[in-house]
PDB file of N, CA and C in Angstrom:
ATOM      1  N   MET A   1      78.298 105.131  90.910  1.00  0.00           N
ATOM      2  CA  MET A   1      78.610 106.461  90.434  1.00  0.00           C
ATOM      3  C   MET A   1      79.451 106.331  89.179  1.00  0.00           C
ATOM      4  N   ALA A   2      79.051 106.988  88.121  1.00  0.00           N
ATOM      5  CA  ALA A   2      79.750 106.876  86.850  1.00  0.00           C
ATOM      6  C   ALA A   2      80.925 107.824  86.739  1.00  0.00           C
ATOM      7  N   TRP A   3      80.893 108.951  87.445  1.00  0.00           N
ATOM      8  CA  TRP A   3      81.980 109.903  87.364  1.00  0.00           C
ATOM      9  C   TRP A   3      82.015 110.692  88.659  1.00  0.00           C
ATOM     10  N   GLY A   4      83.076 111.431  88.863  1.00  0.00           N
ATOM     11  CA  GLY A   4      83.184 112.246  90.067  1.00  0.00           C
ATOM     12  C   GLY A   4      84.206 111.676  91.016  1.00  0.00           C
ATOM     13  N   GLN A   5      84.007 111.920  92.280  1.00  0.00           N
ATOM     14  CA  GLN A   5      84.963 111.466  93.277  1.00  0.00           C
ATOM     15  C   GLN A   5      84.279 110.605  94.313  1.00  0.00           C
ATOM     16  N   PHE A   6      85.046 109.677  94.874  1.00  0.00           N
ATOM     17  CA  PHE A   6      84.546 108.855  95.949  1.00  0.00           C
ATOM     18  C   PHE A   6      85.708 108.509  96.866  1.00  0.00           C
ATOM     19  N   GLN A   7      85.408 108.325  98.132  1.00  0.00           N
ATOM     20  CA  GLN A   7      86.443 108.030  99.115  1.00  0.00           C
ATOM     21  C   GLN A   7      86.886 106.584  98.973  1.00  0.00           C
ATOM     22  N   THR A   8      88.217 106.373  98.965  1.00  0.00           N
ATOM     23  CA  THR A   8      88.734 105.016  98.821  1.00  0.00           C
ATOM     24  C   THR A   8      89.395 104.478 100.074  1.00  0.00           C
ATOM     25  N   GLY A   9      89.528 105.297 101.110  1.00  0.00           N
ATOM     26  CA  GLY A   9      90.097 104.793 102.343  1.00  0.00           C
ATOM     27  C   GLY A   9      91.039 105.771 102.998  1.00  0.00           C
ATOM     28  N   PHE A  10      91.650 105.342 104.105  1.00  0.00           N
ATOM     29  CA  PHE A  10      92.583 106.175 104.861  1.00  0.00           C
ATOM     30  C   PHE A  10      93.901 105.448 104.995  1.00  0.00           C
ATOM     31  N   ASP A  11      94.987 106.123 104.699  1.00  0.00           N
ATOM     32  CA  ASP A  11      96.316 105.543 104.772  1.00  0.00           C
ATOM     33  C   ASP A  11      96.981 106.026 106.061  1.00  0.00           C
ATOM     34  N   PRO A  12      97.004 105.197 107.139  1.00  0.00           N
ATOM     35  CA  PRO A  12      97.566 105.657 108.403  1.00  0.00           C
ATOM     36  C   PRO A  12      99.065 105.906 108.345  1.00  0.00           C
ATOM     37  N   VAL A  13      99.769 105.275 107.417  1.00  0.00           N
ATOM     38  CA  VAL A  13     101.210 105.483 107.297  1.00  0.00           C
ATOM     39  C   VAL A  13     101.499 106.889 106.786  1.00  0.00           C
ATOM     40  N   GLU A  14     100.849 107.296 105.737  1.00  0.00           N
ATOM     41  CA  GLU A  14     101.053 108.629 105.179  1.00  0.00           C
ATOM     42  C   GLU A  14     100.172 109.674 105.855  1.00  0.00           C
ATOM     43  N   GLU A  15      99.240 109.201 106.674  1.00  0.00           N
ATOM     44  CA  GLU A  15      98.309 110.062 107.396  1.00  0.00           C
ATOM     45  C   GLU A  15      97.585 111.029 106.477  1.00  0.00           C
ATOM     46  N   GLN A  16      97.144 110.546 105.349  1.00  0.00           N
ATOM     47  CA  GLN A  16      96.343 111.380 104.475  1.00  0.00           C
ATOM     48  C   GLN A  16      95.279 110.546 103.790  1.00  0.00           C
ATOM     49  N   GLN A  17      94.163 111.171 103.604  1.00  0.00           N
ATOM     50  CA  GLN A  17      93.054 110.521 102.931  1.00  0.00           C
ATOM     51  C   GLN A  17      93.325 110.525 101.437  1.00  0.00           C
ATOM     52  N   LYS A  18      92.930 109.465 100.754  1.00  0.00           N
ATOM     53  CA  LYS A  18      93.095 109.371  99.305  1.00  0.00           C
ATOM     54  C   LYS A  18      91.737 109.533  98.633  1.00  0.00           C
ATOM     55  N   VAL A  19      91.751 110.111  97.472  1.00  0.00           N
ATOM     56  CA  VAL A  19      90.539 110.298  96.688  1.00  0.00           C
ATOM     57  C   VAL A  19      90.798 109.733  95.304  1.00  0.00           C
ATOM     58  N   ALA A  20      89.839 109.023  94.764  1.00  0.00           N
ATOM     59  CA  ALA A  20      89.980 108.503  93.401  1.00  0.00           C
ATOM     60  C   ALA A  20      89.120 109.342  92.472  1.00  0.00           C
ATOM     61  N   THR A  21      89.711 109.799  91.392  1.00  0.00           N
ATOM     62  CA  THR A  21      89.003 110.566  90.384  1.00  0.00           C
ATOM     63  C   THR A  21      88.934 109.720  89.122  1.00  0.00           C
ATOM     64  N   LEU A  22      87.748 109.574  88.601  1.00  0.00           N
ATOM     65  CA  LEU A  22      87.573 108.812  87.378  1.00  0.00           C
ATOM     66  C   LEU A  22      87.568 109.773  86.196  1.00  0.00           C
ATOM     67  N   VAL A  23      88.372 109.462  85.193  1.00  0.00           N
ATOM     68  CA  VAL A  23      88.497 110.298  84.006  1.00  0.00           C
ATOM     69  C   VAL A  23      88.209 109.441  82.787  1.00  0.00           C
ATOM     70  N   TRP A  24      87.425 109.970  81.852  1.00  0.00           N
ATOM     71  CA  TRP A  24      87.086 109.233  80.633  1.00  0.00           C
ATOM     72  C   TRP A  24      88.260 109.274  79.668  1.00  0.00           C
ATOM     73  N   ASP A  25      88.746 108.099  79.267  1.00  0.00           N
ATOM     74  CA  ASP A  25      89.844 107.985  78.308  1.00  0.00           C
ATOM     75  C   ASP A  25      89.230 107.777  76.927  1.00  0.00           C
ATOM     76  N   THR A  26      89.339 108.791  76.065  1.00  0.00           N
ATOM     77  CA  THR A  26      88.698 108.697  74.749  1.00  0.00           C
ATOM     78  C   THR A  26      89.399 107.717  73.822  1.00  0.00           C
ATOM     79  N   SER A  27      90.656 107.381  74.103  1.00  0.00           N
ATOM     80  CA  SER A  27      91.353 106.429  73.227  1.00  0.00           C
ATOM     81  C   SER A  27      90.925 104.989  73.495  1.00  0.00           C
ATOM     82  N   THR A  28      90.607 104.661  74.764  1.00  0.00           N
ATOM     83  CA  THR A  28      90.177 103.302  75.096  1.00  0.00           C
ATOM     84  C   THR A  28      88.679 103.214  75.360  1.00  0.00           C
ATOM     85  N   LEU A  29      88.003 104.373  75.356  1.00  0.00           N
ATOM     86  CA  LEU A  29      86.576 104.459  75.654  1.00  0.00           C
ATOM     87  C   LEU A  29      86.229 103.769  76.970  1.00  0.00           C
ATOM     88  N   SER A  30      87.009 104.124  78.011  1.00  0.00           N
ATOM     89  CA  SER A  30      86.767 103.560  79.333  1.00  0.00           C
ATOM     90  C   SER A  30      87.154 104.573  80.410  1.00  0.00           C
ATOM     91  N   TRP A  31      86.663 104.338  81.633  1.00  0.00           N
ATOM     92  CA  TRP A  31      87.007 105.194  82.762  1.00  0.00           C
ATOM     93  C   TRP A  31      88.365 104.774  83.311  1.00  0.00           C
ATOM     94  N   VAL A  32      89.213 105.761  83.624  1.00  0.00           N
ATOM     95  CA  VAL A  32      90.540 105.517  84.174  1.00  0.00           C
ATOM     96  C   VAL A  32      90.587 106.130  85.562  1.00  0.00           C
ATOM     97  N   LYS A  33      91.090 105.380  86.534  1.00  0.00           N
ATOM     98  CA  LYS A  33      91.156 105.863  87.911  1.00  0.00           C
ATOM     99  C   LYS A  33      92.486 106.563  88.151  1.00  0.00           C
ATOM    100  N   MET A  34      92.410 107.788  88.660  1.00  0.00           N
ATOM    101  CA  MET A  34      93.601 108.547  89.008  1.00  0.00           C
ATOM    102  C   MET A  34      93.547 108.801  90.510  1.00  0.00           C
ATOM    103  N   THR A  35      94.666 108.647  91.215  1.00  0.00           N
ATOM    104  CA  THR A  35      94.686 108.831  92.663  1.00  0.00           C
ATOM    105  C   THR A  35      95.547 110.032  93.016  1.00  0.00           C
ATOM    106  N   GLN A  36      95.072 110.830  93.953  1.00  0.00           N
ATOM    107  CA  GLN A  36      95.804 112.009  94.409  1.00  0.00           C
ATOM    108  C   GLN A  36      95.493 112.238  95.876  1.00  0.00           C
ATOM    109  N   PRO A  37      96.330 112.967  96.608  1.00  0.00           N
ATOM    110  CA  PRO A  37      95.991 113.320  97.994  1.00  0.00           C
ATOM    111  C   PRO A  37      94.726 114.163  98.015  1.00  0.00           C
ATOM    112  N   ALA A  38      93.936 114.017  99.064  1.00  0.00           N
ATOM    113  CA  ALA A  38      92.681 114.760  99.163  1.00  0.00           C
ATOM    114  C   ALA A  38      92.906 116.259  99.152  1.00  0.00           C
ATOM    115  N   SER A  39      94.086 116.714  99.507  1.00  0.00           N
ATOM    116  CA  SER A  39      94.357 118.148  99.546  1.00  0.00           C
ATOM    117  C   SER A  39      94.587 118.732  98.159  1.00  0.00           C
ATOM    118  N   GLY A  40      94.621 117.903  97.116  1.00  0.00           N
ATOM    119  CA  GLY A  40      94.893 118.356  95.758  1.00  0.00           C
ATOM    120  C   GLY A  40      94.078 119.564  95.343  1.00  0.00           C
ATOM    121  N   PHE A  41      92.758 119.442  95.272  1.00  0.00           N
ATOM    122  CA  PHE A  41      91.904 120.564  94.925  1.00  0.00           C
ATOM    123  C   PHE A  41      91.172 121.088  96.146  1.00  0.00           C
ATOM    124  N   GLY A  42      91.255 120.378  97.253  1.00  0.00           N
ATOM    125  CA  GLY A  42      90.602 120.838  98.469  1.00  0.00           C
ATOM    126  C   GLY A  42      89.103 121.045  98.303  1.00  0.00           C
ATOM    127  N   LEU A  43      88.433 120.113  97.640  1.00  0.00           N
ATOM    128  CA  LEU A  43      86.988 120.237  97.465  1.00  0.00           C
ATOM    129  C   LEU A  43      86.296 120.141  98.818  1.00  0.00           C
ATOM    130  N   PRO A  44      85.386 121.067  99.099  1.00  0.00           N
ATOM    131  CA  PRO A  44      84.633 120.988 100.346  1.00  0.00           C
ATOM    132  C   PRO A  44      83.618 119.846 100.285  1.00  0.00           C
ATOM    133  N   SER A  45      82.955 119.589 101.383  1.00  0.00           N
ATOM    134  CA  SER A  45      81.907 118.562 101.396  1.00  0.00           C
ATOM    135  C   SER A  45      80.827 118.932 100.399  1.00  0.00           C
ATOM    136  N   TYR A  46      80.282 117.920  99.714  1.00  0.00           N
ATOM    137  CA  TYR A  46      79.217 118.135  98.739  1.00  0.00           C
ATOM    138  C   TYR A  46      78.333 116.909  98.694  1.00  0.00           C
ATOM    139  N   ASP A  47      77.106 117.082  98.222  1.00  0.00           N
ATOM    140  CA  ASP A  47      76.204 115.936  98.099  1.00  0.00           C
ATOM    141  C   ASP A  47      75.557 115.843  96.715  1.00  0.00           C
ATOM    142  N   ALA A  48      75.943 116.757  95.817  1.00  0.00           N
ATOM    143  CA  ALA A  48      75.410 116.701  94.456  1.00  0.00           C
ATOM    144  C   ALA A  48      76.431 117.304  93.489  1.00  0.00           C
ATOM    145  N   ILE A  49      76.471 116.756  92.273  1.00  0.00           N
ATOM    146  CA  ILE A  49      77.385 117.244  91.235  1.00  0.00           C
ATOM    147  C   ILE A  49      76.594 117.348  89.936  1.00  0.00           C
ATOM    148  N   SER A  50      76.818 118.440  89.204  1.00  0.00           N
ATOM    149  CA  SER A  50      76.236 118.513  87.865  1.00  0.00           C
ATOM    150  C   SER A  50      77.369 118.687  86.860  1.00  0.00           C
ATOM    151  N   LEU A  51      77.100 118.315  85.620  1.00  0.00           N
ATOM    152  CA  LEU A  51      78.092 118.388  84.556  1.00  0.00           C
ATOM    153  C   LEU A  51      77.510 119.160  83.391  1.00  0.00           C
ATOM    154  N   ALA A  52      78.235 120.182  82.956  1.00  0.00           N
ATOM    155  CA  ALA A  52      77.861 120.931  81.752  1.00  0.00           C
ATOM    156  C   ALA A  52      78.964 120.684  80.729  1.00  0.00           C
ATOM    157  N   ARG A  53      78.586 120.161  79.570  1.00  0.00           N
ATOM    158  CA  ARG A  53      79.560 119.838  78.534  1.00  0.00           C
ATOM    159  C   ARG A  53      79.546 120.898  77.449  1.00  0.00           C
ATOM    160  N   GLY A  54      80.730 121.396  77.108  1.00  0.00           N
ATOM    161  CA  GLY A  54      80.871 122.349  76.019  1.00  0.00           C
ATOM    162  C   GLY A  54      81.707 121.727  74.913  1.00  0.00           C
ATOM    163  N   THR A  55      82.000 122.490  73.905  1.00  0.00           N
ATOM    164  CA  THR A  55      82.778 121.981  72.780  1.00  0.00           C
ATOM    165  C   THR A  55      84.191 121.596  73.199  1.00  0.00           C
ATOM    166  N   THR A  56      84.830 122.462  73.983  1.00  0.00           N
ATOM    167  CA  THR A  56      86.205 122.192  74.426  1.00  0.00           C
ATOM    168  C   THR A  56      86.349 122.259  75.939  1.00  0.00           C
ATOM    169  N   THR A  57      85.227 122.254  76.671  1.00  0.00           N
ATOM    170  CA  THR A  57      85.279 122.285  78.132  1.00  0.00           C
ATOM    171  C   THR A  57      84.243 121.349  78.724  1.00  0.00           C
ATOM    172  N   ASP A  58      84.528 120.875  79.931  1.00  0.00           N
ATOM    173  CA  ASP A  58      83.562 120.181  80.769  1.00  0.00           C
ATOM    174  C   ASP A  58      83.615 120.890  82.115  1.00  0.00           C
ATOM    175  N   THR A  59      82.448 121.282  82.644  1.00  0.00           N
ATOM    176  CA  THR A  59      82.400 121.997  83.914  1.00  0.00           C
ATOM    177  C   THR A  59      81.589 121.193  84.914  1.00  0.00           C
ATOM    178  N   PHE A  60      82.237 120.823  86.018  1.00  0.00           N
ATOM    179  CA  PHE A  60      81.602 120.100  87.106  1.00  0.00           C
ATOM    180  C   PHE A  60      81.291 121.105  88.207  1.00  0.00           C
ATOM    181  N   THR A  61      80.037 121.164  88.641  1.00  0.00           N
ATOM    182  CA  THR A  61      79.671 122.043  89.741  1.00  0.00           C
ATOM    183  C   THR A  61      79.242 121.192  90.923  1.00  0.00           C
ATOM    184  N   TYR A  62      79.734 121.547  92.101  1.00  0.00           N
ATOM    185  CA  TYR A  62      79.529 120.787  93.328  1.00  0.00           C
ATOM    186  C   TYR A  62      78.628 121.592  94.270  1.00  0.00           C
ATOM    187  N   TYR A  63      77.615 120.928  94.849  1.00  0.00           N
ATOM    188  CA  TYR A  63      76.623 121.586  95.688  1.00  0.00           C
ATOM    189  C   TYR A  63      76.451 120.876  97.019  1.00  0.00           C
ATOM    190  N   VAL A  64      75.999 121.636  98.015  1.00  0.00           N
ATOM    191  CA  VAL A  64      75.508 121.092  99.287  1.00  0.00           C
ATOM    192  C   VAL A  64      74.027 121.420  99.335  1.00  0.00           C
ATOM    193  N   GLY A  65      73.214 120.427  99.669  1.00  0.00           N
ATOM    194  CA  GLY A  65      71.766 120.637  99.705  1.00  0.00           C
ATOM    195  C   GLY A  65      71.101 120.301  98.389  1.00  0.00           C
ATOM    196  N   GLY A  66      71.714 119.409  97.625  1.00  0.00           N
ATOM    197  CA  GLY A  66      71.152 119.008  96.346  1.00  0.00           C
ATOM    198  C   GLY A  66      71.476 119.995  95.243  1.00  0.00           C
ATOM    199  N   LEU A  67      71.009 119.708  94.050  1.00  0.00           N
ATOM    200  CA  LEU A  67      71.328 120.545  92.896  1.00  0.00           C
ATOM    201  C   LEU A  67      70.741 121.947  92.973  1.00  0.00           C
ATOM    202  N   THR A  68      69.761 122.159  93.850  1.00  0.00           N
ATOM    203  CA  THR A  68      69.204 123.499  94.034  1.00  0.00           C
ATOM    204  C   THR A  68      69.764 124.164  95.284  1.00  0.00           C
ATOM    205  N   GLY A  69      70.742 123.515  95.914  1.00  0.00           N
ATOM    206  CA  GLY A  69      71.340 124.033  97.142  1.00  0.00           C
ATOM    207  C   GLY A  69      72.436 125.052  96.879  1.00  0.00           C
ATOM    208  N   THR A  70      73.398 125.081  97.776  1.00  0.00           N
ATOM    209  CA  THR A  70      74.486 126.058  97.735  1.00  0.00           C
ATOM    210  C   THR A  70      75.646 125.533  96.898  1.00  0.00           C
ATOM    211  N   LEU A  71      76.086 126.315  95.936  1.00  0.00           N
ATOM    212  CA  LEU A  71      77.257 125.977  95.116  1.00  0.00           C
ATOM    213  C   LEU A  71      78.498 126.110  95.994  1.00  0.00           C
ATOM    214  N   VAL A  72      79.319 125.041  96.073  1.00  0.00           N
ATOM    215  CA  VAL A  72      80.512 125.084  96.919  1.00  0.00           C
ATOM    216  C   VAL A  72      81.809 125.049  96.123  1.00  0.00           C
ATOM    217  N   ALA A  73      81.778 124.593  94.882  1.00  0.00           N
ATOM    218  CA  ALA A  73      82.993 124.562  94.057  1.00  0.00           C
ATOM    219  C   ALA A  73      82.628 124.296  92.604  1.00  0.00           C
ATOM    220  N   THR A  74      83.520 124.724  91.733  1.00  0.00           N
ATOM    221  CA  THR A  74      83.390 124.455  90.308  1.00  0.00           C
ATOM    222  C   THR A  74      84.744 123.980  89.796  1.00  0.00           C
ATOM    223  N   VAL A  75      84.756 122.917  89.018  1.00  0.00           N
ATOM    224  CA  VAL A  75      85.977 122.431  88.388  1.00  0.00           C
ATOM    225  C   VAL A  75      85.741 122.438  86.881  1.00  0.00           C
ATOM    226  N   THR A  76      86.594 123.170  86.169  1.00  0.00           N
ATOM    227  CA  THR A  76      86.476 123.267  84.715  1.00  0.00           C
ATOM    228  C   THR A  76      87.669 122.593  84.062  1.00  0.00           C
ATOM    229  N   ILE A  77      87.390 121.646  83.183  1.00  0.00           N
ATOM    230  CA  ILE A  77      88.430 120.963  82.416  1.00  0.00           C
ATOM    231  C   ILE A  77      88.391 121.530  81.004  1.00  0.00           C
ATOM    232  N   THR A  78      89.535 122.022  80.541  1.00  0.00           N
ATOM    233  CA  THR A  78      89.637 122.569  79.191  1.00  0.00           C
ATOM    234  C   THR A  78      90.487 121.627  78.354  1.00  0.00           C
ATOM    235  N   TYR A  79      90.019 121.344  77.151  1.00  0.00           N
ATOM    236  CA  TYR A  79      90.701 120.431  76.235  1.00  0.00           C
ATOM    237  C   TYR A  79      91.332 121.221  75.091  1.00  0.00           C
ATOM    238  N   THR A  80      92.312 120.632  74.441  1.00  0.00           N
ATOM    239  CA  THR A  80      93.016 121.326  73.364  1.00  0.00           C
ATOM    240  C   THR A  80      92.160 121.515  72.121  1.00  0.00           C
ATOM    241  N   ASP A  81      91.164 120.625  71.914  1.00  0.00           N
ATOM    242  CA  ASP A  81      90.261 120.763  70.766  1.00  0.00           C
ATOM    243  C   ASP A  81      88.965 120.017  71.052  1.00  0.00           C
ATOM    244  N   SER A  82      88.066 120.026  70.112  1.00  0.00           N
ATOM    245  CA  SER A  82      86.739 119.459  70.320  1.00  0.00           C
ATOM    246  C   SER A  82      86.705 117.931  70.424  1.00  0.00           C
ATOM    247  N   THR A  83      87.804 117.253  70.101  1.00  0.00           N
ATOM    248  CA  THR A  83      87.821 115.797  70.279  1.00  0.00           C
ATOM    249  C   THR A  83      87.912 115.427  71.755  1.00  0.00           C
ATOM    250  N   LYS A  84      88.372 116.364  72.575  1.00  0.00           N
ATOM    251  CA  LYS A  84      88.554 116.170  74.023  1.00  0.00           C
ATOM    252  C   LYS A  84      89.509 115.020  74.329  1.00  0.00           C
ATOM    253  N   ALA A  85      90.434 114.771  73.430  1.00  0.00           N
ATOM    254  CA  ALA A  85      91.403 113.702  73.626  1.00  0.00           C
ATOM    255  C   ALA A  85      92.548 114.137  74.548  1.00  0.00           C
ATOM    256  N   THR A  86      92.844 115.447  74.592  1.00  0.00           N
ATOM    257  CA  THR A  86      93.954 115.938  75.407  1.00  0.00           C
ATOM    258  C   THR A  86      93.496 117.118  76.252  1.00  0.00           C
ATOM    259  N   MET A  87      93.693 117.000  77.578  1.00  0.00           N
ATOM    260  CA  MET A  87      93.357 118.102  78.465  1.00  0.00           C
ATOM    261  C   MET A  87      94.467 119.142  78.431  1.00  0.00           C
ATOM    262  N   SER A  88      94.072 120.418  78.461  1.00  0.00           N
ATOM    263  CA  SER A  88      95.081 121.465  78.539  1.00  0.00           C
ATOM    264  C   SER A  88      95.122 122.100  79.919  1.00  0.00           C
ATOM    265  N   SER A  89      94.007 122.062  80.663  1.00  0.00           N
ATOM    266  CA  SER A  89      94.024 122.595  82.026  1.00  0.00           C
ATOM    267  C   SER A  89      92.841 122.064  82.817  1.00  0.00           C
ATOM    268  N   VAL A  90      93.020 122.076  84.151  1.00  0.00           N
ATOM    269  CA  VAL A  90      91.959 121.750  85.086  1.00  0.00           C
ATOM    270  C   VAL A  90      92.025 122.828  86.174  1.00  0.00           C
ATOM    271  N   VAL A  91      90.914 123.554  86.336  1.00  0.00           N
ATOM    272  CA  VAL A  91      90.904 124.699  87.264  1.00  0.00           C
ATOM    273  C   VAL A  91      89.731 124.579  88.211  1.00  0.00           C
ATOM    274  N   LYS A  92      90.010 124.782  89.512  1.00  0.00           N
ATOM    275  CA  LYS A  92      88.950 124.807  90.524  1.00  0.00           C
ATOM    276  C   LYS A  92      88.712 126.249  90.935  1.00  0.00           C
ATOM    277  N   THR A  93      87.428 126.624  90.999  1.00  0.00           N
ATOM    278  CA  THR A  93      87.076 127.961  91.510  1.00  0.00           C
ATOM    279  C   THR A  93      86.052 127.820  92.604  1.00  0.00           C
TER     280      THR A  93
END
């Protein structure tokens, strides 16, 4: 998987599942792994993700039942300008 989320394991000490999110770093031209508690955005179960790229936004849509199935979440990343070097917000709907 080149982008998106994947399960990295279960931490019995903290009793919370961890999720790794890969983010493209435009300064190093490589994927950077960021770790957060699974409750961060509370994404429901999904089996397909699509990406729509705009000038200053990237929108990830999450589906159950494939790309023609039911939309379960949308995450929109907004950047400060068209270089997409700096994120200004990340919103889940």
